[in-house]
Each structure stands twice: as structure tokens, then as C-alpha cells.
PDB file of N, CA and C in Angstrom:
ATOM      1  N   MET A   1    -173.136-144.620-149.021  1.00  0.00           N
ATOM      2  CA  MET A   1    -173.147-145.389-147.842  1.00  0.00           C
ATOM      3  C   MET A   1    -172.853-146.857-148.199  1.00  0.00           C
ATOM      4  N   VAL A   2    -172.048-147.426-147.395  1.00  0.00           N
ATOM      5  CA  VAL A   2    -171.647-148.828-147.610  1.00  0.00           C
ATOM      6  C   VAL A   2    -172.238-149.681-146.525  1.00  0.00           C
ATOM      7  N   LEU A   3    -172.948-150.700-146.814  1.00  0.00           N
ATOM      8  CA  LEU A   3    -173.456-151.641-145.833  1.00  0.00           C
ATOM      9  C   LEU A   3    -172.695-152.925-145.803  1.00  0.00           C
ATOM     10  N   TYR A   4    -172.688-153.593-144.675  1.00  0.00           N
ATOM     11  CA  TYR A   4    -172.000-154.877-144.597  1.00  0.00           C
ATOM     12  C   TYR A   4    -172.696-155.897-145.443  1.00  0.00           C
ATOM     13  N   THR A   5    -171.963-156.699-146.128  1.00  0.00           N
ATOM     14  CA  THR A   5    -172.510-157.814-146.862  1.00  0.00           C
ATOM     15  C   THR A   5    -171.488-158.914-146.898  1.00  0.00           C
ATOM     16  N   PRO A   6    -171.920-160.192-146.771  1.00  0.00           N
ATOM     17  CA  PRO A   6    -170.945-161.263-146.809  1.00  0.00           C
ATOM     18  C   PRO A   6    -170.459-161.579-148.218  1.00  0.00           C
ATOM     19  N   TYR A   7    -170.980-160.868-149.216  1.00  0.00           N
ATOM     20  CA  TYR A   7    -170.630-161.137-150.638  1.00  0.00           C
ATOM     21  C   TYR A   7    -169.613-160.170-151.117  1.00  0.00           C
ATOM     22  N   ASP A   8    -168.825-160.490-152.079  1.00  0.00           N
ATOM     23  CA  ASP A   8    -167.842-159.602-152.682  1.00  0.00           C
ATOM     24  C   ASP A   8    -168.510-158.415-153.229  1.00  0.00           C
ATOM     25  N   VAL A   9    -167.863-157.216-153.004  1.00  0.00           N
ATOM     26  CA  VAL A   9    -168.467-155.974-153.450  1.00  0.00           C
ATOM     27  C   VAL A   9    -168.611-155.926-154.953  1.00  0.00           C
ATOM     28  N   ASP A  10    -167.720-156.546-155.743  1.00  0.00           N
ATOM     29  CA  ASP A  10    -167.857-156.559-157.195  1.00  0.00           C
ATOM     30  C   ASP A  10    -169.174-157.185-157.612  1.00  0.00           C
ATOM     31  N   ILE A  11    -169.601-158.194-156.877  1.00  0.00           N
ATOM     32  CA  ILE A  11    -170.893-158.864-157.289  1.00  0.00           C
ATOM     33  C   ILE A  11    -172.054-157.901-157.035  1.00  0.00           C
ATOM     34  N   ILE A  12    -172.019-157.182-155.974  1.00  0.00           N
ATOM     35  CA  ILE A  12    -173.141-156.255-155.628  1.00  0.00           C
ATOM     36  C   ILE A  12    -173.157-155.055-156.603  1.00  0.00           C
ATOM     37  N   MET A  13    -171.987-154.501-156.904  1.00  0.00           N
ATOM     38  CA  MET A  13    -171.843-153.264-157.658  1.00  0.00           C
ATOM     39  C   MET A  13    -171.842-153.472-159.204  1.00  0.00           C
ATOM     40  N   ARG A  14    -171.957-154.708-159.632  1.00  0.00           N
ATOM     41  CA  ARG A  14    -171.847-155.080-161.045  1.00  0.00           C
ATOM     42  C   ARG A  14    -172.993-154.437-161.816  1.00  0.00           C
ATOM     43  N   ASP A  15    -172.737-153.909-163.019  1.00  0.00           N
ATOM     44  CA  ASP A  15    -173.781-153.356-163.880  1.00  0.00           C
ATOM     45  C   ASP A  15    -174.379-154.508-164.629  1.00  0.00           C
ATOM     46  N   LEU A  16    -175.570-154.968-164.332  1.00  0.00           N
ATOM     47  CA  LEU A  16    -176.181-156.087-164.991  1.00  0.00           C
ATOM     48  C   LEU A  16    -176.747-155.746-166.357  1.00  0.00           C
ATOM     49  N   THR A  17    -176.783-154.455-166.754  1.00  0.00           N
ATOM     50  CA  THR A  17    -177.261-154.113-168.116  1.00  0.00           C
ATOM     51  C   THR A  17    -176.272-154.363-169.193  1.00  0.00           C
ATOM     52  N   GLN A  18    -174.977-154.516-168.824  1.00  0.00           N
ATOM     53  CA  GLN A  18    -173.964-154.726-169.796  1.00  0.00           C
ATOM     54  C   GLN A  18    -173.522-156.241-169.745  1.00  0.00           C
ATOM     55  N   PRO A  19    -173.213-156.815-170.961  1.00  0.00           N
ATOM     56  CA  PRO A  19    -172.763-158.201-170.930  1.00  0.00           C
ATOM     57  C   PRO A  19    -171.402-158.339-170.199  1.00  0.00           C
ATOM     58  N   GLU A  20    -171.218-159.384-169.546  1.00  0.00           N
ATOM     59  CA  GLU A  20    -170.014-159.611-168.764  1.00  0.00           C
ATOM     60  C   GLU A  20    -168.839-159.798-169.723  1.00  0.00           C
ATOM     61  N   ALA A  21    -167.742-159.069-169.496  1.00  0.00           N
ATOM     62  CA  ALA A  21    -166.600-159.131-170.369  1.00  0.00           C
ATOM     63  C   ALA A  21    -165.740-160.350-169.987  1.00  0.00           C
ATOM     64  N   MET A  22    -165.167-160.931-170.940  1.00  0.00           N
ATOM     65  CA  MET A  22    -164.204-162.083-170.703  1.00  0.00           C
ATOM     66  C   MET A  22    -162.865-161.505-170.184  1.00  0.00           C
ATOM     67  N   GLN A  23    -162.543-161.934-169.006  1.00  0.00           N
ATOM     68  CA  GLN A  23    -161.259-161.421-168.374  1.00  0.00           C
ATOM     69  C   GLN A  23    -160.291-162.598-168.361  1.00  0.00           C
ATOM     70  N   ARG A  24    -158.962-162.216-168.380  1.00  0.00           N
ATOM     71  CA  ARG A  24    -157.957-163.228-168.278  1.00  0.00           C
ATOM     72  C   ARG A  24    -156.822-162.664-167.501  1.00  0.00           C
ATOM     73  N   GLU A  25    -155.964-163.546-166.975  1.00  0.00           N
ATOM     74  CA  GLU A  25    -154.763-163.124-166.254  1.00  0.00           C
ATOM     75  C   GLU A  25    -153.539-163.218-167.102  1.00  0.00           C
ATOM     76  N   VAL A  26    -152.680-162.212-166.930  1.00  0.00           N
ATOM     77  CA  VAL A  26    -151.407-162.233-167.663  1.00  0.00           C
ATOM     78  C   VAL A  26    -150.325-162.165-166.545  1.00  0.00           C
ATOM     79  N   ARG A  27    -149.479-163.170-166.494  1.00  0.00           N
ATOM     80  CA  ARG A  27    -148.383-163.232-165.522  1.00  0.00           C
ATOM     81  C   ARG A  27    -147.104-162.764-166.194  1.00  0.00           C
ATOM     82  N   LEU A  28    -146.514-161.659-165.594  1.00  0.00           N
ATOM     83  CA  LEU A  28    -145.300-161.125-166.127  1.00  0.00           C
ATOM     84  C   LEU A  28    -144.035-161.772-165.484  1.00  0.00           C
ATOM     85  N   ALA A  29    -142.929-161.655-166.121  1.00  0.00           N
ATOM     86  CA  ALA A  29    -141.662-162.223-165.625  1.00  0.00           C
ATOM     87  C   ALA A  29    -141.261-161.741-164.252  1.00  0.00           C
ATOM     88  N   ASN A  30    -141.658-160.485-163.919  1.00  0.00           N
ATOM     89  CA  ASN A  30    -141.255-159.938-162.610  1.00  0.00           C
ATOM     90  C   ASN A  30    -142.225-160.241-161.480  1.00  0.00           C
ATOM     91  N   GLY A  31    -143.168-161.126-161.761  1.00  0.00           N
ATOM     92  CA  GLY A  31    -144.050-161.619-160.683  1.00  0.00           C
ATOM     93  C   GLY A  31    -145.386-160.889-160.576  1.00  0.00           C
ATOM     94  N   ILE A  32    -145.566-159.876-161.392  1.00  0.00           N
ATOM     95  CA  ILE A  32    -146.837-159.106-161.369  1.00  0.00           C
ATOM     96  C   ILE A  32    -147.825-159.868-162.243  1.00  0.00           C
ATOM     97  N   VAL A  33    -149.085-159.934-161.717  1.00  0.00           N
ATOM     98  CA  VAL A  33    -150.188-160.527-162.432  1.00  0.00           C
ATOM     99  C   VAL A  33    -151.137-159.430-162.806  1.00  0.00           C
ATOM    100  N   LEU A  34    -151.458-159.360-164.076  1.00  0.00           N
ATOM    101  CA  LEU A  34    -152.430-158.361-164.537  1.00  0.00           C
ATOM    102  C   LEU A  34    -153.763-159.044-164.886  1.00  0.00           C
ATOM    103  N   LEU A  35    -154.837-158.523-164.420  1.00  0.00           N
ATOM    104  CA  LEU A  35    -156.159-159.024-164.727  1.00  0.00           C
ATOM    105  C   LEU A  35    -156.811-158.019-165.687  1.00  0.00           C
ATOM    106  N   GLY A  36    -157.326-158.507-166.781  1.00  0.00           N
ATOM    107  CA  GLY A  36    -157.941-157.591-167.762  1.00  0.00           C
ATOM    108  C   GLY A  36    -158.556-158.243-168.883  1.00  0.00           C
ATOM    109  N   GLN A  37    -158.692-157.580-170.015  1.00  0.00           N
ATOM    110  CA  GLN A  37    -159.332-158.150-171.132  1.00  0.00           C
ATOM    111  C   GLN A  37    -158.649-157.758-172.428  1.00  0.00           C
ATOM    112  N   ASP A  38    -158.762-158.524-173.451  1.00  0.00           N
ATOM    113  CA  ASP A  38    -158.211-158.193-174.747  1.00  0.00           C
ATOM    114  C   ASP A  38    -159.110-157.188-175.434  1.00  0.00           C
ATOM    115  N   VAL A  39    -158.447-156.171-176.005  1.00  0.00           N
ATOM    116  CA  VAL A  39    -159.124-155.145-176.834  1.00  0.00           C
ATOM    117  C   VAL A  39    -158.408-155.051-178.164  1.00  0.00           C
ATOM    118  N   GLU A  40    -158.939-154.291-179.058  1.00  0.00           N
ATOM    119  CA  GLU A  40    -158.344-154.143-180.419  1.00  0.00           C
ATOM    120  C   GLU A  40    -156.898-153.796-180.415  1.00  0.00           C
ATOM    121  N   SER A  41    -156.458-152.857-179.577  1.00  0.00           N
ATOM    122  CA  SER A  41    -155.096-152.368-179.590  1.00  0.00           C
ATOM    123  C   SER A  41    -154.177-153.119-178.648  1.00  0.00           C
ATOM    124  N   GLY A  42    -154.614-154.106-177.891  1.00  0.00           N
ATOM    125  CA  GLY A  42    -153.759-154.844-176.996  1.00  0.00           C
ATOM    126  C   GLY A  42    -154.497-155.457-175.860  1.00  0.00           C
ATOM    127  N   PHE A  43    -153.989-155.251-174.645  1.00  0.00           N
ATOM    128  CA  PHE A  43    -154.583-155.787-173.428  1.00  0.00           C
ATOM    129  C   PHE A  43    -154.943-154.626-172.478  1.00  0.00           C
ATOM    130  N   LYS A  44    -156.205-154.538-172.092  1.00  0.00           N
ATOM    131  CA  LYS A  44    -156.610-153.442-171.141  1.00  0.00           C
ATOM    132  C   LYS A  44    -156.541-153.956-169.684  1.00  0.00           C
ATOM    133  N   ILE A  45    -155.736-153.291-168.925  1.00  0.00           N
ATOM    134  CA  ILE A  45    -155.531-153.701-167.519  1.00  0.00           C
ATOM    135  C   ILE A  45    -156.724-153.232-166.694  1.00  0.00           C
ATOM    136  N   GLU A  46    -157.295-154.188-165.872  1.00  0.00           N
ATOM    137  CA  GLU A  46    -158.337-153.765-164.973  1.00  0.00           C
ATOM    138  C   GLU A  46    -157.938-153.892-163.507  1.00  0.00           C
ATOM    139  N   ARG A  47    -156.990-154.789-163.239  1.00  0.00           N
ATOM    140  CA  ARG A  47    -156.521-154.933-161.865  1.00  0.00           C
ATOM    141  C   ARG A  47    -155.072-155.401-161.820  1.00  0.00           C
ATOM    142  N   VAL A  48    -154.263-154.913-160.902  1.00  0.00           N
ATOM    143  CA  VAL A  48    -152.907-155.350-160.719  1.00  0.00           C
ATOM    144  C   VAL A  48    -152.846-156.206-159.463  1.00  0.00           C
ATOM    145  N   VAL A  49    -152.325-157.401-159.536  1.00  0.00           N
ATOM    146  CA  VAL A  49    -152.239-158.303-158.397  1.00  0.00           C
ATOM    147  C   VAL A  49    -150.719-158.585-158.178  1.00  0.00           C
ATOM    148  N   CYS A  50    -150.247-158.176-156.975  1.00  0.00           N
ATOM    149  CA  CYS A  50    -148.845-158.417-156.725  1.00  0.00           C
ATOM    150  C   CYS A  50    -148.615-158.259-155.180  1.00  0.00           C
ATOM    151  N   GLY A  51    -147.704-159.048-154.634  1.00  0.00           N
ATOM    152  CA  GLY A  51    -147.350-158.931-153.253  1.00  0.00           C
ATOM    153  C   GLY A  51    -146.443-157.756-153.029  1.00  0.00           C
ATOM    154  N   ASN A  52    -145.797-157.250-154.038  1.00  0.00           N
ATOM    155  CA  ASN A  52    -144.897-156.097-153.913  1.00  0.00           C
ATOM    156  C   ASN A  52    -145.748-154.797-154.011  1.00  0.00           C
ATOM    157  N   SER A  53    -145.739-154.050-152.946  1.00  0.00           N
ATOM    158  CA  SER A  53    -146.588-152.853-152.914  1.00  0.00           C
ATOM    159  C   SER A  53    -146.103-151.773-153.914  1.00  0.00           C
ATOM    160  N   ASN A  54    -144.821-151.843-154.314  1.00  0.00           N
ATOM    161  CA  ASN A  54    -144.365-150.862-155.292  1.00  0.00           C
ATOM    162  C   ASN A  54    -144.860-151.108-156.670  1.00  0.00           C
ATOM    163  N   ALA A  55    -145.363-152.298-157.012  1.00  0.00           N
ATOM    164  CA  ALA A  55    -145.863-152.601-158.312  1.00  0.00           C
ATOM    165  C   ALA A  55    -147.031-151.739-158.679  1.00  0.00           C
ATOM    166  N   TYR A  56    -147.809-151.282-157.712  1.00  0.00           N
ATOM    167  CA  TYR A  56    -148.987-150.452-158.011  1.00  0.00           C
ATOM    168  C   TYR A  56    -148.557-149.020-158.429  1.00  0.00           C
ATOM    169  N   LEU A  57    -147.283-148.662-158.193  1.00  0.00           N
ATOM    170  CA  LEU A  57    -146.800-147.314-158.525  1.00  0.00           C
ATOM    171  C   LEU A  57    -146.220-147.242-159.983  1.00  0.00           C
ATOM    172  N   ILE A  58    -146.019-148.375-160.606  1.00  0.00           N
ATOM    173  CA  ILE A  58    -145.447-148.387-161.961  1.00  0.00           C
ATOM    174  C   ILE A  58    -146.480-147.788-162.937  1.00  0.00           C
ATOM    175  N   PRO A  59    -146.122-146.689-163.614  1.00  0.00           N
ATOM    176  CA  PRO A  59    -147.125-146.036-164.498  1.00  0.00           C
ATOM    177  C   PRO A  59    -147.621-146.951-165.582  1.00  0.00           C
ATOM    178  N   GLU A  60    -146.790-147.878-166.121  1.00  0.00           N
ATOM    179  CA  GLU A  60    -147.198-148.667-167.233  1.00  0.00           C
ATOM    180  C   GLU A  60    -148.288-149.700-166.925  1.00  0.00           C
ATOM    181  N   PHE A  61    -148.448-150.000-165.627  1.00  0.00           N
ATOM    182  CA  PHE A  61    -149.383-151.016-165.161  1.00  0.00           C
ATOM    183  C   PHE A  61    -150.565-150.495-164.470  1.00  0.00           C
ATOM    184  N   GLN A  62    -150.996-149.292-164.663  1.00  0.00           N
ATOM    185  CA  GLN A  62    -152.106-148.720-164.003  1.00  0.00           C
ATOM    186  C   GLN A  62    -153.407-149.220-164.628  1.00  0.00           C
ATOM    187  N   PRO A  63    -154.445-149.451-163.788  1.00  0.00           N
ATOM    188  CA  PRO A  63    -155.778-149.925-164.370  1.00  0.00           C
ATOM    189  C   PRO A  63    -156.274-148.892-165.384  1.00  0.00           C
ATOM    190  N   GLY A  64    -156.755-149.372-166.495  1.00  0.00           N
ATOM    191  CA  GLY A  64    -157.218-148.536-167.620  1.00  0.00           C
ATOM    192  C   GLY A  64    -156.247-148.410-168.729  1.00  0.00           C
ATOM    193  N   MET A  65    -154.965-148.711-168.451  1.00  0.00           N
ATOM    194  CA  MET A  65    -153.919-148.639-169.514  1.00  0.00           C
ATOM    195  C   MET A  65    -154.085-149.797-170.457  1.00  0.00           C
ATOM    196  N   VAL A  66    -153.767-149.563-171.699  1.00  0.00           N
ATOM    197  CA  VAL A  66    -153.792-150.647-172.720  1.00  0.00           C
ATOM    198  C   VAL A  66    -152.321-150.866-173.109  1.00  0.00           C
ATOM    199  N   ILE A  67    -151.910-152.121-172.954  1.00  0.00           N
ATOM    200  CA  ILE A  67    -150.496-152.463-173.319  1.00  0.00           C
ATOM    201  C   ILE A  67    -150.477-153.523-174.414  1.00  0.00           C
ATOM    202  N   LYS A  68    -149.406-153.566-175.109  1.00  0.00           N
ATOM    203  CA  LYS A  68    -149.230-154.623-176.164  1.00  0.00           C
ATOM    204  C   LYS A  68    -148.461-155.767-175.560  1.00  0.00           C
ATOM    205  N   LEU A  69    -148.898-156.941-175.784  1.00  0.00           N
ATOM    206  CA  LEU A  69    -148.228-158.168-175.268  1.00  0.00           C
ATOM    207  C   LEU A  69    -147.477-158.884-176.374  1.00  0.00           C
ATOM    208  N   GLY A  70    -146.389-159.501-175.996  1.00  0.00           N
ATOM    209  CA  GLY A  70    -145.637-160.329-176.918  1.00  0.00           C
ATOM    210  C   GLY A  70    -144.796-159.605-177.807  1.00  0.00           C
TER     211      GLY A  70
END
């Protein structure tokens, strides 16, 4: 059940037992912005931000994927 709240859902649903991960934005040349965090093997995508609705369909940029930058 979801109740109305004036606060962002991420704030309400956050797991407070885990330390907050450092997130950063990566802006790609094609205009896609990836929000995620650095991990041992690269960059783990947590959110895709783009005005182009087709960007969410690109398999390489799905949330949870780890990509190598640079």
C-alpha cells in the first residue's frame, strides 16, 4: 500500500541500517546521464536520466549493470 507523502519516496524507503553509498553522475557524449557509484570492476549504474525515452531501452545502460569508464 502506498500512502501520499510530500517527501520523495527514496527518503521514505531508504534502508537506514546500511551506510549511505557515495553516488556520482556520469554524463555521456550522447546526452545520457548515469547516476551510480564506483565499484571494484567499474561503475555500477543505479539510475538512467535522459529526456530521450529510448535511452532506457539500451541494454548496456540498465540499472544494476557495471560498466568500465574511460
